[in-house]
Amino acid sequence: MRPVLRDRIGRLTDDDLPAYIYDLRALREHVHAIRAALPQGVELLYAAKANSDPRILQALAAHVDGFEVASGGELSHVRGLAPDTPLAFGGPGKTQAELAQALDAGAERLHIESEHELRLLTTLLGDRSADVLLRVNLPVDLGRVALAMGGHPSPFGMDPAQLDGCRELIASDPRIRLRGLHSHLASGLQAQAQLALIDQILTWGEGWAHDCGVDLAEVNVGGGMGVDYTHPHRVFDWSAFGAGLARFLARRPRLTLRIEPGRSVTVYCGWYVTEVLDIKSSRGETFAVLRGGTHHLRTPAAKQHDQPFEVISGDVWLRPWARPEARDEPVTLVGQLCTPKDVLARRVMVERLRVGDRVAFAMAGAYAWNIAHHAFLMHPHPTFHHLDDAEVSVGCGTYAHQMP
């Protein structure tokens, strides 16, 4: 934790808590390093689904080649914040209204999930044109992965045999330009595993294009770069990944390769800060009850892990009774919800944790607030703060109410 961030946490009032703090300088440095590791011929798009906080999107806009959006709501939100940044519109189950919205917004790429979706697009084009990628679910053995979108029966993309109908439809309609393929198959992969999967995708794609007489100008391999919540300092090896992509592209000088990371871009810039409300023992196990919980920070419940955290001592205690505390023992950190699933970290050793201390959960910059069940029990929403050294200021926002 940077000292300026720790200082800002210390200056949060009780009314601010729980709070999200996004370190925008750290975010810019991280995405700049990612960008520098990628070779020429690779385009970097940020998957807005990971975190669509307005200030985060604005900070990223200058460092990415575009944003990937997966709904009409995301499309409208991102286009309003970054009107000149290219958009790729993906995701299954696009409605007719969303496809029309994407055309009206000038989305640079449409990721087509089925022949039906492509036919729906043709009814909306009029005198307009569209650049498309066909999303294919390749029959590859993914092994053990954190999240599999393909390689098995899946609602994402098409079986290879179903590409022919789309290709024939595109050939008969000059308004549609086939730019290439999209194949995001898995998430949670480290660099070498990611490269091995991309190698399979590119090899299959080249064979398909050769057999069909298609000019394969572009392949989008999605995101899914691994994030290790158990070992926060083990960051995805972007240098090795970029070097591997450079080797692939050296054999394919005319190919543009697109990647769409989300979690691995923003996860490290976010902190969820709250306070200890109570500490108690139950049948030999110690629990710390925190303000907030998984209705704010959904990630540990969604991924079944312990969210890493730091304890920031609060030295003021004005109650006339002894301050409840835990010392040199494992503690389970839970929230305020009426469910045993409201667990942020389980049986983690702490040197000292007291009622009134603040707990700052790290790696809260992706799939945290934006996937949480905000309305459950109707607790207040967290406040949102943005630490930006470039402005020498800290802003506080109400991001929850800015979403479309």
Protein backbone atom coordinates (compact mmCIF):
# COMPACT_ATOMS: atom_id res chain seq x y z
CA MET A 1 0.00 0.00 0.00
CA ARG A 2 1.47 3.36 -1.01
CA PRO A 3 1.89 5.80 1.90
CA VAL A 4 -0.39 8.35 0.24
CA LEU A 5 -3.09 5.68 0.02
CA ARG A 6 -2.67 4.69 3.67
CA ASP A 7 -2.91 8.37 4.61
CA ARG A 8 -6.13 8.75 2.63
CA ILE A 9 -7.65 5.71 4.32
CA GLY A 10 -6.81 7.24 7.67
CA ARG A 11 -8.67 10.40 6.71
CA LEU A 12 -11.89 8.63 5.79
CA THR A 13 -14.67 9.49 8.22
CA ASP A 14 -16.99 6.92 9.78
CA ASP A 15 -19.70 8.18 7.46
CA ASP A 16 -17.48 7.34 4.47
CA LEU A 17 -17.29 3.66 5.39
CA PRO A 18 -17.42 1.25 3.76
CA ALA A 19 -15.50 2.85 0.92
CA TYR A 20 -13.87 1.93 -2.34
CA ILE A 21 -10.64 3.73 -3.14
CA TYR A 22 -9.25 3.47 -6.66
CA ASP A 23 -5.58 4.34 -7.06
CA LEU A 24 -5.52 5.86 -10.54
CA ARG A 25 -1.78 6.45 -10.60
CA ALA A 26 -1.15 2.77 -9.88
CA LEU A 27 -3.66 1.88 -12.59
CA ARG A 28 -1.94 4.04 -15.19
CA GLU A 29 1.47 2.62 -14.31
CA HIS A 30 0.16 -0.94 -14.56
CA VAL A 31 -1.59 -0.53 -17.91
CA HIS A 32 1.43 1.37 -19.27
CA ALA A 33 3.61 -1.63 -18.35
CA ILE A 34 1.15 -3.98 -20.05
CA ARG A 35 1.13 -1.82 -23.16
CA ALA A 36 4.94 -1.69 -23.25
CA ALA A 37 5.17 -5.50 -23.03
CA LEU A 38 2.94 -6.10 -26.05
CA PRO A 39 4.54 -6.26 -29.50
CA GLN A 40 3.46 -4.39 -32.59
CA GLY A 41 0.46 -6.09 -34.14
CA VAL A 42 -1.32 -6.65 -30.83
CA GLU A 43 -4.27 -4.42 -29.97
CA LEU A 44 -5.24 -4.02 -26.30
CA LEU A 45 -8.92 -3.62 -25.47
CA TYR A 46 -10.18 -3.29 -21.91
CA ALA A 47 -13.19 -5.46 -20.99
CA ALA A 48 -15.45 -2.91 -19.31
CA LYS A 49 -17.40 -5.62 -17.49
CA ALA A 50 -14.51 -5.97 -15.02
CA ASN A 51 -15.05 -2.47 -13.64
CA SER A 52 -16.85 0.34 -15.45
CA ASP A 53 -16.23 3.06 -12.86
CA PRO A 54 -16.21 6.33 -14.86
CA ARG A 55 -12.85 7.56 -13.59
CA ILE A 56 -11.23 4.19 -14.26
CA LEU A 57 -12.49 4.17 -17.85
CA GLN A 58 -11.28 7.71 -18.40
CA ALA A 59 -7.86 6.86 -16.97
CA LEU A 60 -7.57 3.84 -19.27
CA ALA A 61 -8.79 5.51 -22.45
CA ALA A 62 -5.39 6.97 -23.33
CA HIS A 63 -3.60 3.64 -22.87
CA VAL A 64 -5.82 1.13 -24.68
CA ASP A 65 -6.87 0.63 -28.29
CA GLY A 66 -10.52 0.38 -27.33
CA PHE A 67 -13.11 -0.99 -24.93
CA GLU A 68 -15.03 -4.25 -25.13
CA VAL A 69 -18.64 -3.95 -24.02
CA ALA A 70 -21.19 -6.73 -23.62
CA SER A 71 -24.57 -5.04 -23.24
CA GLY A 72 -26.51 -2.03 -24.38
CA GLY A 73 -26.09 -0.52 -20.92
CA GLU A 74 -22.31 -0.87 -21.03
CA LEU A 75 -22.23 0.45 -24.56
CA SER A 76 -24.16 3.59 -23.64
CA HIS A 77 -22.14 4.11 -20.45
CA VAL A 78 -18.74 3.73 -22.12
CA ARG A 79 -19.62 5.69 -25.24
CA GLY A 80 -20.79 8.58 -23.09
CA LEU A 81 -17.50 8.65 -21.17
CA ALA A 82 -15.13 7.96 -24.07
CA PRO A 83 -16.89 9.12 -27.23
CA ASP A 84 -13.82 8.75 -29.47
CA THR A 85 -12.52 5.41 -28.22
CA PRO A 86 -13.23 2.39 -30.48
CA LEU A 87 -15.74 -0.13 -29.16
CA ALA A 88 -16.11 -3.85 -29.71
CA PHE A 89 -19.58 -5.20 -28.89
CA GLY A 90 -19.66 -8.81 -27.75
CA GLY A 91 -21.54 -11.23 -25.56
CA PRO A 92 -24.33 -13.75 -26.17
CA GLY A 93 -28.01 -12.89 -26.40
CA LYS A 94 -27.80 -9.51 -28.10
CA THR A 95 -31.24 -8.04 -28.60
CA GLN A 96 -32.38 -6.34 -31.78
CA ALA A 97 -32.41 -3.02 -29.94
CA GLU A 98 -28.83 -3.55 -28.73
CA LEU A 99 -27.56 -4.39 -32.20
CA ALA A 100 -29.24 -1.26 -33.54
CA GLN A 101 -27.70 0.72 -30.70
CA ALA A 102 -24.24 -0.63 -31.55
CA LEU A 103 -24.67 0.41 -35.18
CA ASP A 104 -25.88 3.86 -34.18
CA ALA A 105 -22.92 4.25 -31.81
CA GLY A 106 -20.46 3.32 -34.53
CA ALA A 107 -19.10 0.23 -32.78
CA GLU A 108 -15.91 -0.74 -34.58
CA ARG A 109 -16.43 -4.51 -34.24
CA LEU A 110 -19.43 -6.73 -33.66
CA HIS A 111 -18.67 -10.18 -32.28
CA ILE A 112 -21.25 -12.47 -33.82
CA GLU A 113 -22.36 -15.40 -31.67
CA SER A 114 -24.67 -17.30 -34.06
CA GLU A 115 -26.14 -17.37 -37.56
CA HIS A 116 -29.43 -16.12 -36.12
CA GLU A 117 -27.67 -13.10 -34.61
CA LEU A 118 -26.01 -12.39 -37.96
CA ARG A 119 -29.35 -12.58 -39.78
CA LEU A 120 -30.84 -10.21 -37.20
CA LEU A 121 -28.02 -7.78 -37.94
CA THR A 122 -28.79 -7.82 -41.66
CA THR A 123 -32.32 -6.56 -40.98
CA LEU A 124 -30.93 -3.48 -39.22
CA LEU A 125 -28.15 -2.34 -41.52
CA GLY A 126 -30.08 -0.43 -44.16
CA ASP A 127 -27.41 1.47 -46.09
CA ARG A 128 -24.85 1.01 -43.32
CA SER A 129 -22.04 -1.53 -43.09
CA ALA A 130 -20.61 -3.56 -40.22
CA ASP A 131 -17.26 -5.17 -39.46
CA VAL A 132 -17.72 -8.51 -37.71
CA LEU A 133 -15.76 -11.28 -36.04
CA LEU A 134 -17.30 -14.74 -35.83
CA ARG A 135 -16.98 -16.21 -32.35
CA VAL A 136 -16.04 -19.87 -32.47
CA ASN A 137 -16.03 -22.46 -29.70
CA LEU A 138 -13.08 -24.67 -30.56
CA PRO A 139 -12.96 -28.33 -29.46
CA VAL A 140 -9.74 -28.01 -27.46
CA ASP A 141 -8.80 -29.64 -24.17
CA LEU A 142 -8.52 -26.78 -21.69
CA GLY A 143 -7.51 -28.92 -18.74
CA ARG A 144 -8.23 -27.41 -15.32
CA VAL A 145 -9.05 -23.73 -15.64
CA ALA A 146 -10.70 -21.22 -13.32
CA LEU A 147 -13.50 -20.52 -15.79
CA ALA A 148 -14.20 -22.21 -19.12
CA MET A 149 -16.25 -20.48 -21.81
CA GLY A 150 -15.44 -23.00 -24.51
CA GLY A 151 -13.87 -26.34 -25.27
CA HIS A 152 -17.12 -28.04 -24.24
CA PRO A 153 -20.87 -27.48 -24.83
CA SER A 154 -21.33 -23.77 -24.21
CA PRO A 155 -23.70 -20.87 -24.92
CA PHE A 156 -20.70 -18.81 -26.05
CA GLY A 157 -19.93 -18.71 -29.76
CA MET A 158 -20.50 -21.36 -32.42
CA ASP A 159 -19.28 -24.83 -33.17
CA PRO A 160 -16.82 -24.75 -36.09
CA ALA A 161 -19.32 -26.46 -38.41
CA GLN A 162 -21.76 -23.58 -37.88
CA LEU A 163 -19.35 -21.02 -39.30
CA ASP A 164 -20.15 -22.04 -42.87
CA GLY A 165 -23.69 -20.70 -42.74
CA CYS A 166 -22.43 -17.35 -41.47
CA ARG A 167 -19.68 -17.19 -44.06
CA GLU A 168 -22.14 -17.84 -46.89
CA LEU A 169 -24.49 -15.17 -45.56
CA ILE A 170 -21.66 -12.64 -45.36
CA ALA A 171 -20.50 -13.50 -48.88
CA SER A 172 -23.98 -12.67 -50.17
CA ASP A 173 -24.24 -9.32 -48.34
CA PRO A 174 -21.61 -6.67 -49.22
CA ARG A 175 -22.66 -4.57 -46.23
CA ILE A 176 -20.99 -7.05 -43.86
CA ARG A 177 -17.22 -7.33 -43.76
CA LEU A 178 -15.74 -10.43 -42.17
CA ARG A 179 -12.56 -9.35 -40.40
CA GLY A 180 -11.75 -12.63 -38.71
CA LEU A 181 -12.46 -14.78 -35.67
CA HIS A 182 -13.10 -14.36 -31.97
CA SER A 183 -12.29 -17.22 -29.60
CA HIS A 184 -12.22 -16.47 -25.88
CA LEU A 185 -12.20 -19.94 -24.33
CA ALA A 186 -10.95 -19.72 -20.74
CA SER A 187 -10.06 -17.43 -17.86
CA GLY A 188 -7.54 -17.67 -15.06
CA LEU A 189 -4.57 -18.78 -17.17
CA GLN A 190 -0.97 -17.81 -16.51
CA ALA A 191 1.25 -16.62 -19.35
CA GLN A 192 2.59 -19.92 -20.71
CA ALA A 193 -0.80 -21.65 -20.57
CA GLN A 194 -2.39 -18.63 -22.23
CA LEU A 195 0.20 -18.70 -25.00
CA ALA A 196 -0.30 -22.42 -25.57
CA LEU A 197 -4.04 -21.88 -25.97
CA ILE A 198 -3.55 -18.93 -28.33
CA ASP A 199 -1.20 -21.05 -30.43
CA GLN A 200 -3.97 -23.62 -30.84
CA ILE A 201 -6.49 -20.91 -31.75
CA LEU A 202 -4.22 -19.36 -34.37
CA THR A 203 -3.27 -22.71 -35.88
CA TRP A 204 -6.92 -23.74 -36.15
CA GLY A 205 -7.93 -20.34 -37.52
CA GLU A 206 -5.28 -20.42 -40.25
CA GLY A 207 -6.37 -23.87 -41.33
CA TRP A 208 -10.01 -22.83 -41.43
CA ALA A 209 -9.24 -19.66 -43.41
CA HIS A 210 -7.12 -21.60 -45.92
CA ASP A 211 -9.81 -24.23 -46.46
CA CYS A 212 -12.51 -21.57 -46.91
CA GLY A 213 -10.48 -19.13 -48.97
CA VAL A 214 -10.93 -16.43 -46.32
CA ASP A 215 -8.42 -13.67 -45.64
CA LEU A 216 -7.86 -13.97 -41.89
CA ALA A 217 -6.88 -10.41 -41.01
CA GLU A 218 -7.71 -10.44 -37.32
CA VAL A 219 -8.10 -12.86 -34.41
CA ASN A 220 -9.45 -11.83 -31.03
CA VAL A 221 -8.39 -14.28 -28.32
CA GLY A 222 -10.24 -12.54 -25.48
CA GLY A 223 -8.82 -12.06 -22.01
CA GLY A 224 -8.64 -14.37 -19.03
CA MET A 225 -5.13 -13.49 -17.82
CA GLY A 226 -4.71 -15.10 -14.42
CA VAL A 227 -4.95 -13.18 -11.14
CA ASP A 228 -3.72 -14.88 -7.96
CA TYR A 229 -5.64 -13.64 -4.91
CA THR A 230 -3.75 -16.02 -2.65
CA HIS A 231 -0.40 -14.54 -3.68
CA PRO A 232 -1.13 -10.90 -4.59
CA HIS A 233 2.45 -10.18 -5.68
CA ARG A 234 2.41 -12.92 -8.32
CA VAL A 235 1.26 -10.77 -11.21
CA PHE A 236 0.62 -12.20 -14.67
CA ASP A 237 3.91 -12.27 -16.59
CA TRP A 238 3.14 -9.70 -19.26
CA SER A 239 6.76 -9.63 -20.50
CA ALA A 240 6.80 -13.37 -21.22
CA PHE A 241 3.32 -13.13 -22.71
CA GLY A 242 4.34 -10.29 -25.02
CA ALA A 243 7.47 -12.15 -26.11
CA GLY A 244 5.38 -15.19 -26.95
CA LEU A 245 2.93 -13.14 -28.98
CA ALA A 246 5.85 -11.57 -30.85
CA ARG A 247 7.00 -15.05 -31.90
CA PHE A 248 3.50 -15.89 -33.14
CA LEU A 249 3.20 -12.68 -35.13
CA ALA A 250 6.67 -13.00 -36.66
CA ARG A 251 5.25 -15.97 -38.58
CA ARG A 252 2.08 -14.06 -39.41
CA PRO A 253 3.11 -10.50 -40.35
CA ARG A 254 -0.28 -9.59 -41.84
CA LEU A 255 -2.31 -10.67 -38.81
CA THR A 256 -3.69 -8.33 -36.14
CA LEU A 257 -4.11 -9.99 -32.77
CA ARG A 258 -6.57 -8.56 -30.25
CA ILE A 259 -6.71 -9.23 -26.52
CA GLU A 260 -9.44 -8.13 -24.09
CA PRO A 261 -8.19 -8.34 -20.49
CA GLY A 262 -10.35 -6.94 -17.72
CA ARG A 263 -9.64 -8.30 -14.24
CA SER A 264 -5.87 -8.38 -14.75
CA VAL A 265 -5.87 -4.68 -15.70
CA THR A 266 -7.83 -3.08 -12.86
CA VAL A 267 -7.86 -5.56 -9.98
CA TYR A 268 -4.73 -4.16 -8.31
CA CYS A 269 -5.84 -0.52 -8.26
CA GLY A 270 -8.86 -1.03 -5.99
CA TRP A 271 -9.22 -1.20 -2.19
CA TYR A 272 -12.37 -1.87 -0.21
CA VAL A 273 -12.06 -0.22 3.19
CA THR A 274 -14.33 -0.94 6.13
CA GLU A 275 -14.24 -1.22 9.92
CA VAL A 276 -14.57 -3.92 12.55
CA LEU A 277 -17.96 -3.73 14.29
CA ASP A 278 -17.65 -6.74 16.58
CA ILE A 279 -15.33 -9.60 17.49
CA LYS A 280 -16.68 -12.75 19.06
CA SER A 281 -15.97 -16.42 19.58
CA SER A 282 -18.28 -19.25 18.56
CA ARG A 283 -17.46 -22.88 19.38
CA GLY A 284 -13.75 -22.21 19.34
CA GLU A 285 -13.64 -20.03 16.22
CA THR A 286 -13.15 -16.25 16.26
CA PHE A 287 -15.23 -14.03 14.00
CA ALA A 288 -14.74 -10.37 13.14
CA VAL A 289 -17.99 -8.78 11.95
CA LEU A 290 -17.31 -5.94 9.54
CA ARG A 291 -19.41 -3.10 8.24
CA GLY A 292 -20.50 -3.99 4.70
CA GLY A 293 -19.73 -7.41 3.27
CA THR A 294 -20.15 -9.43 0.10
CA HIS A 295 -23.08 -7.28 -1.02
CA HIS A 296 -20.34 -4.68 -1.62
CA LEU A 297 -17.30 -6.87 -2.34
CA ARG A 298 -18.61 -9.92 -4.14
CA THR A 299 -15.30 -11.36 -5.35
CA PRO A 300 -14.43 -13.71 -2.44
CA ALA A 301 -17.90 -15.25 -2.49
CA ALA A 302 -17.91 -15.57 -6.27
CA LYS A 303 -14.44 -17.12 -6.50
CA GLN A 304 -14.42 -18.89 -3.11
CA HIS A 305 -11.17 -17.40 -1.89
CA ASP A 306 -9.88 -15.31 1.00
CA GLN A 307 -9.65 -11.67 -0.02
CA PRO A 308 -6.19 -10.31 0.93
CA PHE A 309 -6.28 -7.45 3.43
CA GLU A 310 -4.31 -5.13 5.67
CA VAL A 311 -5.30 -4.00 9.15
CA ILE A 312 -5.07 -0.29 9.94
CA SER A 313 -5.28 0.25 13.67
CA GLY A 314 -7.77 2.67 15.10
CA ASP A 315 -6.45 3.96 18.41
CA VAL A 316 -9.54 5.80 19.66
CA TRP A 317 -11.80 3.84 22.04
CA LEU A 318 -14.38 5.80 24.01
CA ARG A 319 -16.59 2.99 25.33
CA PRO A 320 -16.65 2.29 29.08
CA TRP A 321 -16.05 -1.45 28.55
CA ALA A 322 -13.02 -3.40 27.39
CA ARG A 323 -12.32 -3.29 23.67
CA PRO A 324 -13.01 -6.67 22.03
CA GLU A 325 -9.97 -7.97 20.18
CA ALA A 326 -8.23 -10.97 18.67
CA ARG A 327 -4.50 -11.60 19.11
CA ASP A 328 -2.19 -14.03 17.32
CA GLU A 329 -4.99 -16.30 16.20
CA PRO A 330 -6.96 -17.20 13.08
CA VAL A 331 -9.99 -14.98 12.47
CA THR A 332 -12.85 -15.29 10.00
CA LEU A 333 -13.87 -11.91 8.59
CA VAL A 334 -17.59 -11.67 7.78
CA GLY A 335 -20.04 -8.96 6.80
CA GLN A 336 -23.41 -7.81 8.04
CA LEU A 337 -25.62 -10.03 5.92
CA CYS A 338 -28.00 -12.65 7.31
CA THR A 339 -26.34 -15.51 5.49
CA PRO A 340 -23.39 -17.77 6.37
CA LYS A 341 -22.05 -17.14 2.85
CA ASP A 342 -21.16 -13.54 3.72
CA VAL A 343 -17.47 -14.36 4.25
CA LEU A 344 -14.60 -12.17 3.05
CA ALA A 345 -11.70 -14.19 4.48
CA ARG A 346 -11.73 -17.42 6.49
CA ARG A 347 -9.42 -18.36 9.40
CA VAL A 348 -6.67 -15.92 8.52
CA MET A 349 -3.94 -15.38 11.12
CA VAL A 350 -3.86 -11.86 12.58
CA GLU A 351 -1.40 -10.38 15.04
CA ARG A 352 -4.01 -8.04 16.47
CA LEU A 353 -7.49 -7.05 15.36
CA ARG A 354 -9.79 -4.87 17.45
CA VAL A 355 -13.27 -3.43 17.23
CA GLY A 356 -12.86 -0.01 15.62
CA ASP A 357 -9.86 -1.01 13.51
CA ARG A 358 -10.11 -0.52 9.79
CA VAL A 359 -9.60 -3.33 7.32
CA ALA A 360 -8.45 -2.53 3.78
CA PHE A 361 -9.11 -5.36 1.33
CA ALA A 362 -6.68 -5.33 -1.58
CA MET A 363 -7.30 -6.49 -5.16
CA ALA A 364 -10.79 -4.99 -5.14
CA GLY A 365 -10.57 -3.24 -8.50
CA ALA A 366 -12.38 -5.84 -10.61
CA TYR A 367 -15.58 -7.90 -10.36
CA ALA A 368 -16.19 -6.59 -6.88
CA TRP A 369 -18.86 -3.91 -6.48
CA ASN A 370 -20.17 -4.25 -10.03
CA ILE A 371 -21.21 -7.91 -9.60
CA ALA A 372 -22.48 -7.64 -6.02
CA HIS A 373 -26.13 -7.94 -4.88
CA HIS A 374 -26.44 -4.32 -3.77
CA ALA A 375 -30.04 -4.34 -2.60
CA PHE A 376 -29.90 -7.33 -0.26
CA LEU A 377 -30.87 -6.14 3.25
CA MET A 378 -30.83 -2.53 1.95
CA HIS A 379 -27.60 -1.54 3.67
CA PRO A 380 -26.16 1.80 2.50
CA HIS A 381 -23.95 1.70 -0.57
CA PRO A 382 -20.23 2.32 -0.12
CA THR A 383 -18.70 5.66 -1.02
CA PHE A 384 -16.25 5.89 -3.93
CA HIS A 385 -12.96 7.75 -3.89
CA HIS A 386 -10.29 8.22 -6.54
CA LEU A 387 -6.68 8.86 -5.65
CA ASP A 388 -4.91 10.61 -8.50
CA ASP A 389 -1.46 12.06 -7.86
CA ALA A 390 -1.55 13.79 -11.24
CA GLU A 391 -4.31 16.02 -9.92
CA VAL A 392 -2.92 16.14 -6.35
CA SER A 393 -6.45 15.52 -5.20
CA VAL A 394 -8.84 12.89 -4.01
CA GLY A 395 -12.31 12.76 -5.43
CA CYS A 396 -15.39 11.16 -3.95
CA GLY A 397 -18.12 9.88 -6.22
CA THR A 398 -21.44 8.10 -6.25
CA TYR A 399 -20.59 5.63 -9.02
CA ALA A 400 -23.44 3.36 -8.03
CA HIS A 401 -25.94 5.98 -9.09
CA GLN A 402 -24.19 6.86 -12.34
CA MET A 403 -24.66 3.48 -13.93
CA PRO A 404 -27.35 3.34 -16.62
